Amino acid sequence: FLHLYREYGATLQVCGADQWGNSIAGVELIRRIEGAEANIWSAPL
């Protein structure tokens, strides 16, 4: 997610509910490393 943010400006990651925890890791990396806001949208499986 950090790579997609840096290379393409991606600020939203879409995931299944089973990937919520893994996706939050990217949100945190972007916040801590880049000082920027990113989000995830999780959908029920």
PDB file of all heavy atoms in Angstrom:
ATOM      1  N   PHE A   1       0.842  -1.198   0.000  1.00  0.00           N
ATOM      2  CA  PHE A   1       0.000   0.000   0.000  1.00  0.00           C
ATOM      3  C   PHE A   1       0.882   1.254   0.000  1.00  0.00           C
ATOM      4  O   PHE A   1       0.621   2.210  -0.725  1.00  0.00           O
ATOM      5  CB  PHE A   1      -0.943  -0.023   1.195  1.00  0.00           C
ATOM      6  CG  PHE A   1      -2.081   0.977   1.154  1.00  0.00           C
ATOM      7  CD1 PHE A   1      -2.383   1.734   0.029  1.00  0.00           C
ATOM      8  CD2 PHE A   1      -2.880   1.154   2.270  1.00  0.00           C
ATOM      9  CE1 PHE A   1      -3.439   2.634   0.009  1.00  0.00           C
ATOM     10  CE2 PHE A   1      -3.931   2.059   2.263  1.00  0.00           C
ATOM     11  CZ  PHE A   1      -4.210   2.804   1.142  1.00  0.00           C
ATOM     12  N   LEU A   2       1.967   1.245   0.779  1.00  0.00           N
ATOM     13  CA  LEU A   2       2.899   2.376   0.789  1.00  0.00           C
ATOM     14  C   LEU A   2       3.477   2.604  -0.608  1.00  0.00           C
ATOM     15  O   LEU A   2       3.559   3.747  -1.084  1.00  0.00           O
ATOM     16  CB  LEU A   2       4.017   2.129   1.807  1.00  0.00           C
ATOM     17  CG  LEU A   2       5.103   3.204   1.889  1.00  0.00           C
ATOM     18  CD1 LEU A   2       4.523   4.548   2.320  1.00  0.00           C
ATOM     19  CD2 LEU A   2       6.205   2.757   2.846  1.00  0.00           C
ATOM     20  N   HIS A   3       3.853   1.541  -1.285  1.00  0.00           N
ATOM     21  CA  HIS A   3       4.378   1.656  -2.654  1.00  0.00           C
ATOM     22  C   HIS A   3       3.327   2.264  -3.582  1.00  0.00           C
ATOM     23  O   HIS A   3       3.632   3.169  -4.375  1.00  0.00           O
ATOM     24  CB  HIS A   3       4.809   0.280  -3.167  1.00  0.00           C
ATOM     25  CG  HIS A   3       5.160   0.274  -4.613  1.00  0.00           C
ATOM     26  ND1 HIS A   3       6.349   0.772  -5.103  1.00  0.00           N
ATOM     27  CD2 HIS A   3       4.454  -0.147  -5.703  1.00  0.00           C
ATOM     28  CE1 HIS A   3       6.366   0.653  -6.414  1.00  0.00           C
ATOM     29  NE2 HIS A   3       5.234   0.102  -6.803  1.00  0.00           N
ATOM     30  N   LEU A   4       2.083   1.772  -3.503  1.00  0.00           N
ATOM     31  CA  LEU A   4       1.017   2.306  -4.352  1.00  0.00           C
ATOM     32  C   LEU A   4       0.764   3.784  -4.044  1.00  0.00           C
ATOM     33  O   LEU A   4       0.485   4.577  -4.951  1.00  0.00           O
ATOM     34  CB  LEU A   4      -0.262   1.482  -4.185  1.00  0.00           C
ATOM     35  CG  LEU A   4      -0.183   0.055  -4.706  1.00  0.00           C
ATOM     36  CD1 LEU A   4      -1.423  -0.736  -4.286  1.00  0.00           C
ATOM     37  CD2 LEU A   4      -0.020   0.038  -6.216  1.00  0.00           C
ATOM     38  N   TYR A   5       0.870   4.151  -2.778  1.00  0.00           N
ATOM     39  CA  TYR A   5       0.713   5.558  -2.395  1.00  0.00           C
ATOM     40  C   TYR A   5       1.823   6.403  -3.028  1.00  0.00           C
ATOM     41  O   TYR A   5       1.556   7.440  -3.642  1.00  0.00           O
ATOM     42  CB  TYR A   5       0.732   5.701  -0.869  1.00  0.00           C
ATOM     43  CG  TYR A   5       0.774   7.134  -0.418  1.00  0.00           C
ATOM     44  CD1 TYR A   5      -0.383   7.900  -0.392  1.00  0.00           C
ATOM     45  CD2 TYR A   5       1.976   7.736  -0.070  1.00  0.00           C
ATOM     46  CE1 TYR A   5      -0.345   9.233  -0.006  1.00  0.00           C
ATOM     47  CE2 TYR A   5       2.025   9.065   0.317  1.00  0.00           C
ATOM     48  CZ  TYR A   5       0.864   9.813   0.344  1.00  0.00           C
ATOM     49  OH  TYR A   5       0.899  11.133   0.715  1.00  0.00           O
ATOM     50  N   ARG A   6       3.058   5.944  -2.883  1.00  0.00           N
ATOM     51  CA  ARG A   6       4.201   6.704  -3.393  1.00  0.00           C
ATOM     52  C   ARG A   6       4.224   6.782  -4.919  1.00  0.00           C
ATOM     53  O   ARG A   6       4.497   7.837  -5.493  1.00  0.00           O
ATOM     54  CB  ARG A   6       5.506   6.080  -2.907  1.00  0.00           C
ATOM     55  CG  ARG A   6       5.786   6.338  -1.448  1.00  0.00           C
ATOM     56  CD  ARG A   6       7.040   5.609  -1.012  1.00  0.00           C
ATOM     57  NE  ARG A   6       7.459   6.035   0.317  1.00  0.00           N
ATOM     58  CZ  ARG A   6       8.378   5.402   1.031  1.00  0.00           C
ATOM     59  NH1 ARG A   6       8.976   4.324   0.539  1.00  0.00           N
ATOM     60  NH2 ARG A   6       8.706   5.841   2.232  1.00  0.00           N
ATOM     61  N   GLU A   7       3.964   5.673  -5.583  1.00  0.00           N
ATOM     62  CA  GLU A   7       4.084   5.620  -7.038  1.00  0.00           C
ATOM     63  C   GLU A   7       2.867   6.144  -7.785  1.00  0.00           C
ATOM     64  O   GLU A   7       2.991   6.689  -8.882  1.00  0.00           O
ATOM     65  CB  GLU A   7       4.372   4.184  -7.492  1.00  0.00           C
ATOM     66  CG  GLU A   7       5.713   3.653  -7.042  1.00  0.00           C
ATOM     67  CD  GLU A   7       6.885   4.436  -7.616  1.00  0.00           C
ATOM     68  OE1 GLU A   7       6.868   4.717  -8.835  1.00  0.00           O
ATOM     69  OE2 GLU A   7       7.808   4.761  -6.844  1.00  0.00           O
ATOM     70  N   TYR A   8       1.674   5.949  -7.209  1.00  0.00           N
ATOM     71  CA  TYR A   8       0.451   6.278  -7.936  1.00  0.00           C
ATOM     72  C   TYR A   8      -0.503   7.207  -7.178  1.00  0.00           C
ATOM     73  O   TYR A   8      -1.585   7.511  -7.670  1.00  0.00           O
ATOM     74  CB  TYR A   8      -0.305   4.994  -8.306  1.00  0.00           C
ATOM     75  CG  TYR A   8       0.542   4.043  -9.117  1.00  0.00           C
ATOM     76  CD1 TYR A   8       1.121   2.933  -8.520  1.00  0.00           C
ATOM     77  CD2 TYR A   8       0.791   4.274 -10.475  1.00  0.00           C
ATOM     78  CE1 TYR A   8       1.921   2.064  -9.253  1.00  0.00           C
ATOM     79  CE2 TYR A   8       1.585   3.418 -11.212  1.00  0.00           C
ATOM     80  CZ  TYR A   8       2.153   2.314 -10.600  1.00  0.00           C
ATOM     81  OH  TYR A   8       2.950   1.463 -11.326  1.00  0.00           O
ATOM     82  N   GLY A   9      -0.125   7.588  -5.971  1.00  0.00           N
ATOM     83  CA  GLY A   9      -0.987   8.468  -5.186  1.00  0.00           C
ATOM     84  C   GLY A   9      -2.207   7.774  -4.612  1.00  0.00           C
ATOM     85  O   GLY A   9      -3.184   8.431  -4.241  1.00  0.00           O
ATOM     86  N   ALA A  10      -2.178   6.451  -4.537  1.00  0.00           N
ATOM     87  CA  ALA A  10      -3.328   5.704  -3.997  1.00  0.00           C
ATOM     88  C   ALA A  10      -3.529   6.042  -2.524  1.00  0.00           C
ATOM     89  O   ALA A  10      -2.588   5.982  -1.728  1.00  0.00           O
ATOM     90  CB  ALA A  10      -3.113   4.212  -4.167  1.00  0.00           C
ATOM     91  N   THR A  11      -4.738   6.419  -2.165  1.00  0.00           N
ATOM     92  CA  THR A  11      -5.047   6.718  -0.760  1.00  0.00           C
ATOM     93  C   THR A  11      -6.178   5.862  -0.221  1.00  0.00           C
ATOM     94  O   THR A  11      -6.583   6.021   0.920  1.00  0.00           O
ATOM     95  CB  THR A  11      -5.426   8.203  -0.580  1.00  0.00           C
ATOM     96  OG1 THR A  11      -6.561   8.497  -1.404  1.00  0.00           O
ATOM     97  CG2 THR A  11      -4.261   9.123  -0.933  1.00  0.00           C
ATOM     98  N   LEU A  12      -6.694   4.965  -1.055  1.00  0.00           N
ATOM     99  CA  LEU A  12      -7.764   4.071  -0.621  1.00  0.00           C
ATOM    100  C   LEU A  12      -7.441   2.658  -1.064  1.00  0.00           C
ATOM    101  O   LEU A  12      -7.120   2.421  -2.234  1.00  0.00           O
ATOM    102  CB  LEU A  12      -9.114   4.490  -1.221  1.00  0.00           C
ATOM    103  CG  LEU A  12     -10.296   3.584  -0.901  1.00  0.00           C
ATOM    104  CD1 LEU A  12     -10.649   3.629   0.581  1.00  0.00           C
ATOM    105  CD2 LEU A  12     -11.508   3.957  -1.734  1.00  0.00           C
ATOM    106  N   GLN A  13      -7.520   1.734  -0.130  1.00  0.00           N
ATOM    107  CA  GLN A  13      -7.346   0.324  -0.440  1.00  0.00           C
ATOM    108  C   GLN A  13      -8.668  -0.375  -0.146  1.00  0.00           C
ATOM    109  O   GLN A  13      -9.245  -0.192   0.918  1.00  0.00           O
ATOM    110  CB  GLN A  13      -6.223  -0.276   0.407  1.00  0.00           C
ATOM    111  CG  GLN A  13      -5.916  -1.706   0.046  1.00  0.00           C
ATOM    112  CD  GLN A  13      -4.737  -2.237   0.851  1.00  0.00           C
ATOM    113  OE1 GLN A  13      -4.833  -2.369   2.059  1.00  0.00           O
ATOM    114  NE2 GLN A  13      -3.650  -2.534   0.166  1.00  0.00           N
ATOM    115  N   VAL A  14      -9.137  -1.153  -1.100  1.00  0.00           N
ATOM    116  CA  VAL A  14     -10.367  -1.912  -0.945  1.00  0.00           C
ATOM    117  C   VAL A  14      -9.984  -3.345  -0.593  1.00  0.00           C
ATOM    118  O   VAL A  14      -9.080  -3.917  -1.200  1.00  0.00           O
ATOM    119  CB  VAL A  14     -11.207  -1.885  -2.248  1.00  0.00           C
ATOM    120  CG1 VAL A  14     -12.465  -2.707  -2.101  1.00  0.00           C
ATOM    121  CG2 VAL A  14     -11.538  -0.449  -2.622  1.00  0.00           C
ATOM    122  N   CYS A  15     -10.665  -3.908   0.393  1.00  0.00           N
ATOM    123  CA  CYS A  15     -10.308  -5.262   0.824  1.00  0.00           C
ATOM    124  C   CYS A  15     -11.533  -6.006   1.318  1.00  0.00           C
ATOM    125  O   CYS A  15     -12.560  -5.411   1.620  1.00  0.00           O
ATOM    126  CB  CYS A  15      -9.262  -5.216   1.929  1.00  0.00           C
ATOM    127  SG  CYS A  15      -9.819  -4.471   3.479  1.00  0.00           S
ATOM    128  N   GLY A  16     -11.380  -7.310   1.415  1.00  0.00           N
ATOM    129  CA  GLY A  16     -12.393  -8.131   2.050  1.00  0.00           C
ATOM    130  C   GLY A  16     -12.249  -8.011   3.551  1.00  0.00           C
ATOM    131  O   GLY A  16     -11.179  -7.668   4.072  1.00  0.00           O
ATOM    132  N   ALA A  17     -13.322  -8.302   4.268  1.00  0.00           N
ATOM    133  CA  ALA A  17     -13.309  -8.161   5.717  1.00  0.00           C
ATOM    134  C   ALA A  17     -12.199  -8.984   6.369  1.00  0.00           C
ATOM    135  O   ALA A  17     -11.670  -8.602   7.407  1.00  0.00           O
ATOM    136  CB  ALA A  17     -14.680  -8.556   6.282  1.00  0.00           C
ATOM    137  N   ASP A  18     -11.801 -10.075   5.744  1.00  0.00           N
ATOM    138  CA  ASP A  18     -10.742 -10.910   6.310  1.00  0.00           C
ATOM    139  C   ASP A  18      -9.361 -10.278   6.170  1.00  0.00           C
ATOM    140  O   ASP A  18      -8.400 -10.736   6.776  1.00  0.00           O
ATOM    141  CB  ASP A  18     -10.760 -12.300   5.684  1.00  0.00           C
ATOM    142  CG  ASP A  18     -10.492 -12.291   4.189  1.00  0.00           C
ATOM    143  OD1 ASP A  18     -10.803 -11.281   3.523  1.00  0.00           O
ATOM    144  OD2 ASP A  18      -9.981 -13.306   3.684  1.00  0.00           O
ATOM    145  N   GLN A  19      -9.250  -9.206   5.390  1.00  0.00           N
ATOM    146  CA  GLN A  19      -7.966  -8.536   5.180  1.00  0.00           C
ATOM    147  C   GLN A  19      -7.868  -7.193   5.897  1.00  0.00           C
ATOM    148  O   GLN A  19      -6.908  -6.451   5.718  1.00  0.00           O
ATOM    149  CB  GLN A  19      -7.735  -8.333   3.674  1.00  0.00           C
ATOM    150  CG  GLN A  19      -7.522  -9.613   2.923  1.00  0.00           C
ATOM    151  CD  GLN A  19      -6.237 -10.299   3.359  1.00  0.00           C
ATOM    152  OE1 GLN A  19      -5.174  -9.694   3.422  1.00  0.00           O
ATOM    153  NE2 GLN A  19      -6.350 -11.574   3.686  1.00  0.00           N
ATOM    154  N   TRP A  20      -8.836  -6.887   6.755  1.00  0.00           N
ATOM    155  CA  TRP A  20      -8.880  -5.584   7.413  1.00  0.00           C
ATOM    156  C   TRP A  20      -7.594  -5.305   8.191  1.00  0.00           C
ATOM    157  O   TRP A  20      -6.970  -4.255   8.049  1.00  0.00           O
ATOM    158  CB  TRP A  20     -10.099  -5.501   8.338  1.00  0.00           C
ATOM    159  CG  TRP A  20     -10.234  -4.158   8.985  1.00  0.00           C
ATOM    160  CD1 TRP A  20     -10.807  -3.046   8.450  1.00  0.00           C
ATOM    161  CD2 TRP A  20      -9.746  -3.780  10.277  1.00  0.00           C
ATOM    162  NE1 TRP A  20     -10.712  -1.998   9.333  1.00  0.00           N
ATOM    163  CE2 TRP A  20     -10.068  -2.426  10.467  1.00  0.00           C
ATOM    164  CE3 TRP A  20      -9.075  -4.454  11.285  1.00  0.00           C
ATOM    165  CZ2 TRP A  20      -9.745  -1.730  11.620  1.00  0.00           C
ATOM    166  CZ3 TRP A  20      -8.757  -3.758  12.442  1.00  0.00           C
ATOM    167  CH2 TRP A  20      -9.092  -2.411  12.600  1.00  0.00           C
ATOM    168  N   GLY A  21      -7.157  -6.239   9.018  1.00  0.00           N
ATOM    169  CA  GLY A  21      -5.959  -6.038   9.832  1.00  0.00           C
ATOM    170  C   GLY A  21      -4.726  -5.826   8.990  1.00  0.00           C
ATOM    171  O   GLY A  21      -3.896  -4.953   9.276  1.00  0.00           O
ATOM    172  N   ASN A  22      -4.579  -6.615   7.932  1.00  0.00           N
ATOM    173  CA  ASN A  22      -3.429  -6.455   7.044  1.00  0.00           C
ATOM    174  C   ASN A  22      -3.471  -5.105   6.340  1.00  0.00           C
ATOM    175  O   ASN A  22      -2.435  -4.476   6.130  1.00  0.00           O
ATOM    176  CB  ASN A  22      -3.398  -7.568   6.003  1.00  0.00           C
ATOM    177  CG  ASN A  22      -3.148  -8.922   6.615  1.00  0.00           C
ATOM    178  OD1 ASN A  22      -2.536  -9.037   7.667  1.00  0.00           O
ATOM    179  ND2 ASN A  22      -3.620  -9.965   5.959  1.00  0.00           N
ATOM    180  N   SER A  23      -4.640  -4.658   5.983  1.00  0.00           N
ATOM    181  CA  SER A  23      -4.766  -3.387   5.276  1.00  0.00           C
ATOM    182  C   SER A  23      -4.476  -2.198   6.185  1.00  0.00           C
ATOM    183  O   SER A  23      -3.910  -1.194   5.738  1.00  0.00           O
ATOM    184  CB  SER A  23      -6.163  -3.260   4.677  1.00  0.00           C
ATOM    185  OG  SER A  23      -6.362  -4.271   3.716  1.00  0.00           O
ATOM    186  N   ILE A  24      -4.821  -2.309   7.449  1.00  0.00           N
ATOM    187  CA  ILE A  24      -4.543  -1.235   8.403  1.00  0.00           C
ATOM    188  C   ILE A  24      -3.038  -0.990   8.516  1.00  0.00           C
ATOM    189  O   ILE A  24      -2.585   0.127   8.746  1.00  0.00           O
ATOM    190  CB  ILE A  24      -5.161  -1.567   9.785  1.00  0.00           C
ATOM    191  CG1 ILE A  24      -6.670  -1.327   9.756  1.00  0.00           C
ATOM    192  CG2 ILE A  24      -4.523  -0.777  10.912  1.00  0.00           C
ATOM    193  CD1 ILE A  24      -7.079   0.121   9.586  1.00  0.00           C
ATOM    194  N   ALA A  25      -2.240  -2.039   8.321  1.00  0.00           N
ATOM    195  CA  ALA A  25      -0.783  -1.883   8.374  1.00  0.00           C
ATOM    196  C   ALA A  25      -0.319  -0.853   7.356  1.00  0.00           C
ATOM    197  O   ALA A  25       0.573  -0.038   7.644  1.00  0.00           O
ATOM    198  CB  ALA A  25      -0.095  -3.230   8.138  1.00  0.00           C
ATOM    199  N   GLY A  26      -0.894  -0.871   6.169  1.00  0.00           N
ATOM    200  CA  GLY A  26      -0.532   0.101   5.149  1.00  0.00           C
ATOM    201  C   GLY A  26      -0.948   1.513   5.505  1.00  0.00           C
ATOM    202  O   GLY A  26      -0.206   2.476   5.292  1.00  0.00           O
ATOM    203  N   VAL A  27      -2.133   1.639   6.087  1.00  0.00           N
ATOM    204  CA  VAL A  27      -2.610   2.949   6.531  1.00  0.00           C
ATOM    205  C   VAL A  27      -1.631   3.521   7.560  1.00  0.00           C
ATOM    206  O   VAL A  27      -1.245   4.697   7.491  1.00  0.00           O
ATOM    207  CB  VAL A  27      -4.042   2.835   7.123  1.00  0.00           C
ATOM    208  CG1 VAL A  27      -4.453   4.120   7.816  1.00  0.00           C
ATOM    209  CG2 VAL A  27      -5.035   2.460   6.030  1.00  0.00           C
ATOM    210  N   GLU A  28      -1.213   2.688   8.490  1.00  0.00           N
ATOM    211  CA  GLU A  28      -0.270   3.115   9.528  1.00  0.00           C
ATOM    212  C   GLU A  28       1.095   3.481   8.946  1.00  0.00           C
ATOM    213  O   GLU A  28       1.707   4.470   9.349  1.00  0.00           O
ATOM    214  CB  GLU A  28      -0.107   2.036  10.592  1.00  0.00           C
ATOM    215  CG  GLU A  28      -1.183   2.070  11.647  1.00  0.00           C
ATOM    216  CD  GLU A  28      -1.202   3.391  12.414  1.00  0.00           C
ATOM    217  OE1 GLU A  28      -0.196   3.739  13.072  1.00  0.00           O
ATOM    218  OE2 GLU A  28      -2.231   4.087  12.332  1.00  0.00           O
ATOM    219  N   LEU A  29       1.598   2.671   8.009  1.00  0.00           N
ATOM    220  CA  LEU A  29       2.886   2.990   7.385  1.00  0.00           C
ATOM    221  C   LEU A  29       2.839   4.331   6.663  1.00  0.00           C
ATOM    222  O   LEU A  29       3.758   5.143   6.785  1.00  0.00           O
ATOM    223  CB  LEU A  29       3.286   1.889   6.403  1.00  0.00           C
ATOM    224  CG  LEU A  29       4.010   0.690   6.977  1.00  0.00           C
ATOM    225  CD1 LEU A  29       4.195  -0.375   5.894  1.00  0.00           C
ATOM    226  CD2 LEU A  29       5.351   1.080   7.550  1.00  0.00           C
ATOM    227  N   ILE A  30       1.783   4.559   5.913  1.00  0.00           N
ATOM    228  CA  ILE A  30       1.644   5.822   5.182  1.00  0.00           C
ATOM    229  C   ILE A  30       1.569   6.990   6.168  1.00  0.00           C
ATOM    230  O   ILE A  30       2.218   8.025   5.985  1.00  0.00           O
ATOM    231  CB  ILE A  30       0.424   5.779   4.241  1.00  0.00           C
ATOM    232  CG1 ILE A  30       0.691   4.783   3.104  1.00  0.00           C
ATOM    233  CG2 ILE A  30       0.098   7.174   3.688  1.00  0.00           C
ATOM    234  CD1 ILE A  30      -0.531   4.431   2.279  1.00  0.00           C
ATOM    235  N   ARG A  31       0.825   6.815   7.247  1.00  0.00           N
ATOM    236  CA  ARG A  31       0.700   7.875   8.256  1.00  0.00           C
ATOM    237  C   ARG A  31       2.052   8.157   8.914  1.00  0.00           C
ATOM    238  O   ARG A  31       2.470   9.302   9.037  1.00  0.00           O
ATOM    239  CB  ARG A  31      -0.328   7.498   9.318  1.00  0.00           C
ATOM    240  CG  ARG A  31      -0.591   8.604  10.344  1.00  0.00           C
ATOM    241  CD  ARG A  31      -1.576   8.181  11.419  1.00  0.00           C
ATOM    242  NE  ARG A  31      -1.087   7.086  12.225  1.00  0.00           N
ATOM    243  CZ  ARG A  31      -0.191   7.197  13.225  1.00  0.00           C
ATOM    244  NH1 ARG A  31       0.329   8.368  13.505  1.00  0.00           N
ATOM    245  NH2 ARG A  31       0.173   6.146  13.922  1.00  0.00           N
ATOM    246  N   ARG A  32       2.757   7.103   9.321  1.00  0.00           N
ATOM    247  CA  ARG A  32       4.017   7.279  10.051  1.00  0.00           C
ATOM    248  C   ARG A  32       5.180   7.704   9.151  1.00  0.00           C
ATOM    249  O   ARG A  32       5.971   8.559   9.533  1.00  0.00           O
ATOM    250  CB  ARG A  32       4.384   5.984  10.763  1.00  0.00           C
ATOM    251  CG  ARG A  32       3.471   5.673  11.918  1.00  0.00           C
ATOM    252  CD  ARG A  32       3.824   4.345  12.546  1.00  0.00           C
ATOM    253  NE  ARG A  32       2.848   4.000  13.544  1.00  0.00           N
ATOM    254  CZ  ARG A  32       3.167   3.483  14.716  1.00  0.00           C
ATOM    255  NH1 ARG A  32       4.425   3.235  15.011  1.00  0.00           N
ATOM    256  NH2 ARG A  32       2.214   3.196  15.580  1.00  0.00           N
ATOM    257  N   ILE A  33       5.303   7.111   7.977  1.00  0.00           N
ATOM    258  CA  ILE A  33       6.453   7.391   7.108  1.00  0.00           C
ATOM    259  C   ILE A  33       6.236   8.644   6.271  1.00  0.00           C
ATOM    260  O   ILE A  33       7.141   9.466   6.119  1.00  0.00           O
ATOM    261  CB  ILE A  33       6.768   6.175   6.209  1.00  0.00           C
ATOM    262  CG1 ILE A  33       7.248   5.012   7.088  1.00  0.00           C
ATOM    263  CG2 ILE A  33       7.811   6.523   5.155  1.00  0.00           C
ATOM    264  CD1 ILE A  33       7.425   3.697   6.335  1.00  0.00           C
ATOM    265  N   GLU A  34       5.046   8.788   5.727  1.00  0.00           N
ATOM    266  CA  GLU A  34       4.780   9.904   4.811  1.00  0.00           C
ATOM    267  C   GLU A  34       4.038  11.061   5.473  1.00  0.00           C
ATOM    268  O   GLU A  34       3.918  12.130   4.885  1.00  0.00           O
ATOM    269  CB  GLU A  34       3.973   9.414   3.597  1.00  0.00           C
ATOM    270  CG  GLU A  34       4.675   8.347   2.778  1.00  0.00           C
ATOM    271  CD  GLU A  34       5.907   8.865   2.060  1.00  0.00           C
ATOM    272  OE1 GLU A  34       5.934  10.062   1.697  1.00  0.00           O
ATOM    273  OE2 GLU A  34       6.843   8.077   1.867  1.00  0.00           O
ATOM    274  N   GLY A  35       3.505  10.824   6.676  1.00  0.00           N
ATOM    275  CA  GLY A  35       2.738  11.874   7.341  1.00  0.00           C
ATOM    276  C   GLY A  35       1.447  12.193   6.618  1.00  0.00           C
ATOM    277  O   GLY A  35       0.927  13.306   6.705  1.00  0.00           O
ATOM    278  N   ALA A  36       0.920  11.237   5.887  1.00  0.00           N
ATOM    279  CA  ALA A  36      -0.285  11.458   5.077  1.00  0.00           C
ATOM    280  C   ALA A  36      -1.420  10.548   5.553  1.00  0.00           C
ATOM    281  O   ALA A  36      -1.206   9.589   6.292  1.00  0.00           O
ATOM    282  CB  ALA A  36       0.016  11.185   3.609  1.00  0.00           C
ATOM    283  N   GLU A  37      -2.605  10.875   5.087  1.00  0.00           N
ATOM    284  CA  GLU A  37      -3.781  10.084   5.438  1.00  0.00           C
ATOM    285  C   GLU A  37      -4.113   9.114   4.308  1.00  0.00           C
ATOM    286  O   GLU A  37      -4.093   9.475   3.139  1.00  0.00           O
ATOM    287  CB  GLU A  37      -4.979  11.002   5.678  1.00  0.00           C
ATOM    288  CG  GLU A  37      -6.225  10.267   6.109  1.00  0.00           C
ATOM    289  CD  GLU A  37      -7.388  11.193   6.405  1.00  0.00           C
ATOM    290  OE1 GLU A  37      -7.178  12.240   7.059  1.00  0.00           O
ATOM    291  OE2 GLU A  37      -8.510  10.860   5.978  1.00  0.00           O
ATOM    292  N   ALA A  38      -4.399   7.896   4.683  1.00  0.00           N
ATOM    293  CA  ALA A  38      -4.866   6.877   3.745  1.00  0.00           C
ATOM    294  C   ALA A  38      -5.990   6.125   4.441  1.00  0.00           C
ATOM    295  O   ALA A  38      -6.113   6.162   5.666  1.00  0.00           O
ATOM    296  CB  ALA A  38      -3.740   5.934   3.354  1.00  0.00           C
ATOM    297  N   ASN A  39      -6.807   5.454   3.650  1.00  0.00           N
ATOM    298  CA  ASN A  39      -7.971   4.767   4.201  1.00  0.00           C
ATOM    299  C   ASN A  39      -8.132   3.387   3.578  1.00  0.00           C
ATOM    300  O   ASN A  39      -7.595   3.113   2.504  1.00  0.00           O
ATOM    301  CB  ASN A  39      -9.245   5.588   3.932  1.00  0.00           C
ATOM    302  CG  ASN A  39      -9.194   6.937   4.594  1.00  0.00           C
ATOM    303  OD1 ASN A  39      -9.390   7.061   5.786  1.00  0.00           O
ATOM    304  ND2 ASN A  39      -8.900   7.965   3.824  1.00  0.00           N
ATOM    305  N   ILE A  40      -8.919   2.578   4.243  1.00  0.00           N
ATOM    306  CA  ILE A  40      -9.321   1.298   3.668  1.00  0.00           C
ATOM    307  C   ILE A  40     -10.836   1.229   3.693  1.00  0.00           C
ATOM    308  O   ILE A  40     -11.493   1.879   4.503  1.00  0.00           O
ATOM    309  CB  ILE A  40      -8.722   0.080   4.412  1.00  0.00           C
ATOM    310  CG1 ILE A  40      -9.167   0.058   5.869  1.00  0.00           C
ATOM    311  CG2 ILE A  40      -7.228   0.044   4.289  1.00  0.00           C
ATOM    312  CD1 ILE A  40      -8.856  -1.244   6.571  1.00  0.00           C
ATOM    313  N   TRP A  41     -11.368   0.474   2.771  1.00  0.00           N
ATOM    314  CA  TRP A  41     -12.793   0.176   2.727  1.00  0.00           C
ATOM    315  C   TRP A  41     -12.892  -1.334   2.671  1.00  0.00           C
ATOM    316  O   TRP A  41     -12.404  -1.948   1.727  1.00  0.00           O
ATOM    317  CB  TRP A  41     -13.440   0.820   1.502  1.00  0.00           C
ATOM    318  CG  TRP A  41     -14.904   0.565   1.400  1.00  0.00           C
ATOM    319  CD1 TRP A  41     -15.902   1.165   2.110  1.00  0.00           C
ATOM    320  CD2 TRP A  41     -15.551  -0.381   0.543  1.00  0.00           C
ATOM    321  NE1 TRP A  41     -17.113   0.662   1.749  1.00  0.00           N
ATOM    322  CE2 TRP A  41     -16.923  -0.307   0.788  1.00  0.00           C
ATOM    323  CE3 TRP A  41     -15.091  -1.293  -0.391  1.00  0.00           C
ATOM    324  CZ2 TRP A  41     -17.837  -1.095   0.122  1.00  0.00           C
ATOM    325  CZ3 TRP A  41     -16.005  -2.081  -1.051  1.00  0.00           C
ATOM    326  CH2 TRP A  41     -17.371  -1.974  -0.790  1.00  0.00           C
ATOM    327  N   SER A  42     -13.449  -1.910   3.718  1.00  0.00           N
ATOM    328  CA  SER A  42     -13.570  -3.370   3.723  1.00  0.00           C
ATOM    329  C   SER A  42     -15.022  -3.759   3.494  1.00  0.00           C
ATOM    330  O   SER A  42     -15.932  -3.097   3.975  1.00  0.00           O
ATOM    331  CB  SER A  42     -13.041  -3.975   5.018  1.00  0.00           C
ATOM    332  OG  SER A  42     -13.821  -3.592   6.122  1.00  0.00           O
ATOM    333  N   ALA A  43     -15.182  -4.821   2.744  1.00  0.00           N
ATOM    334  CA  ALA A  43     -16.509  -5.327   2.408  1.00  0.00           C
ATOM    335  C   ALA A  43     -16.667  -6.722   3.008  1.00  0.00           C
ATOM    336  O   ALA A  43     -15.684  -7.459   3.127  1.00  0.00           O
ATOM    337  CB  ALA A  43     -16.680  -5.397   0.898  1.00  0.00           C
ATOM    338  N   PRO A  44     -17.893  -7.071   3.360  1.00  0.00           N
ATOM    339  CA  PRO A  44     -18.113  -8.434   3.851  1.00  0.00           C
ATOM    340  C   PRO A  44     -17.714  -9.452   2.785  1.00  0.00           C
ATOM    341  O   PRO A  44     -17.807  -9.182   1.589  1.00  0.00           O
ATOM    342  CB  PRO A  44     -19.629  -8.489   4.102  1.00  0.00           C
ATOM    343  CG  PRO A  44     -20.080  -7.075   4.142  1.00  0.00           C
ATOM    344  CD  PRO A  44     -19.118  -6.288   3.306  1.00  0.00           C
ATOM    345  N   LEU A  45     -17.265 -10.586   3.233  1.00  0.00           N
ATOM    346  CA  LEU A  45     -16.904 -11.654   2.302  1.00  0.00           C
ATOM    347  C   LEU A  45     -18.156 -12.228   1.665  1.00  0.00           C
ATOM    348  O   LEU A  45     -19.206 -12.305   2.298  1.00  0.00           O
ATOM    349  CB  LEU A  45     -16.162 -12.769   3.031  1.00  0.00           C
ATOM    350  CG  LEU A  45     -14.820 -12.405   3.625  1.00  0.00           C
ATOM    351  CD1 LEU A  45     -14.238 -13.602   4.351  1.00  0.00           C
ATOM    352  CD2 LEU A  45     -13.873 -11.923   2.557  1.00  0.00           C
TER     353      LEU A  45
END
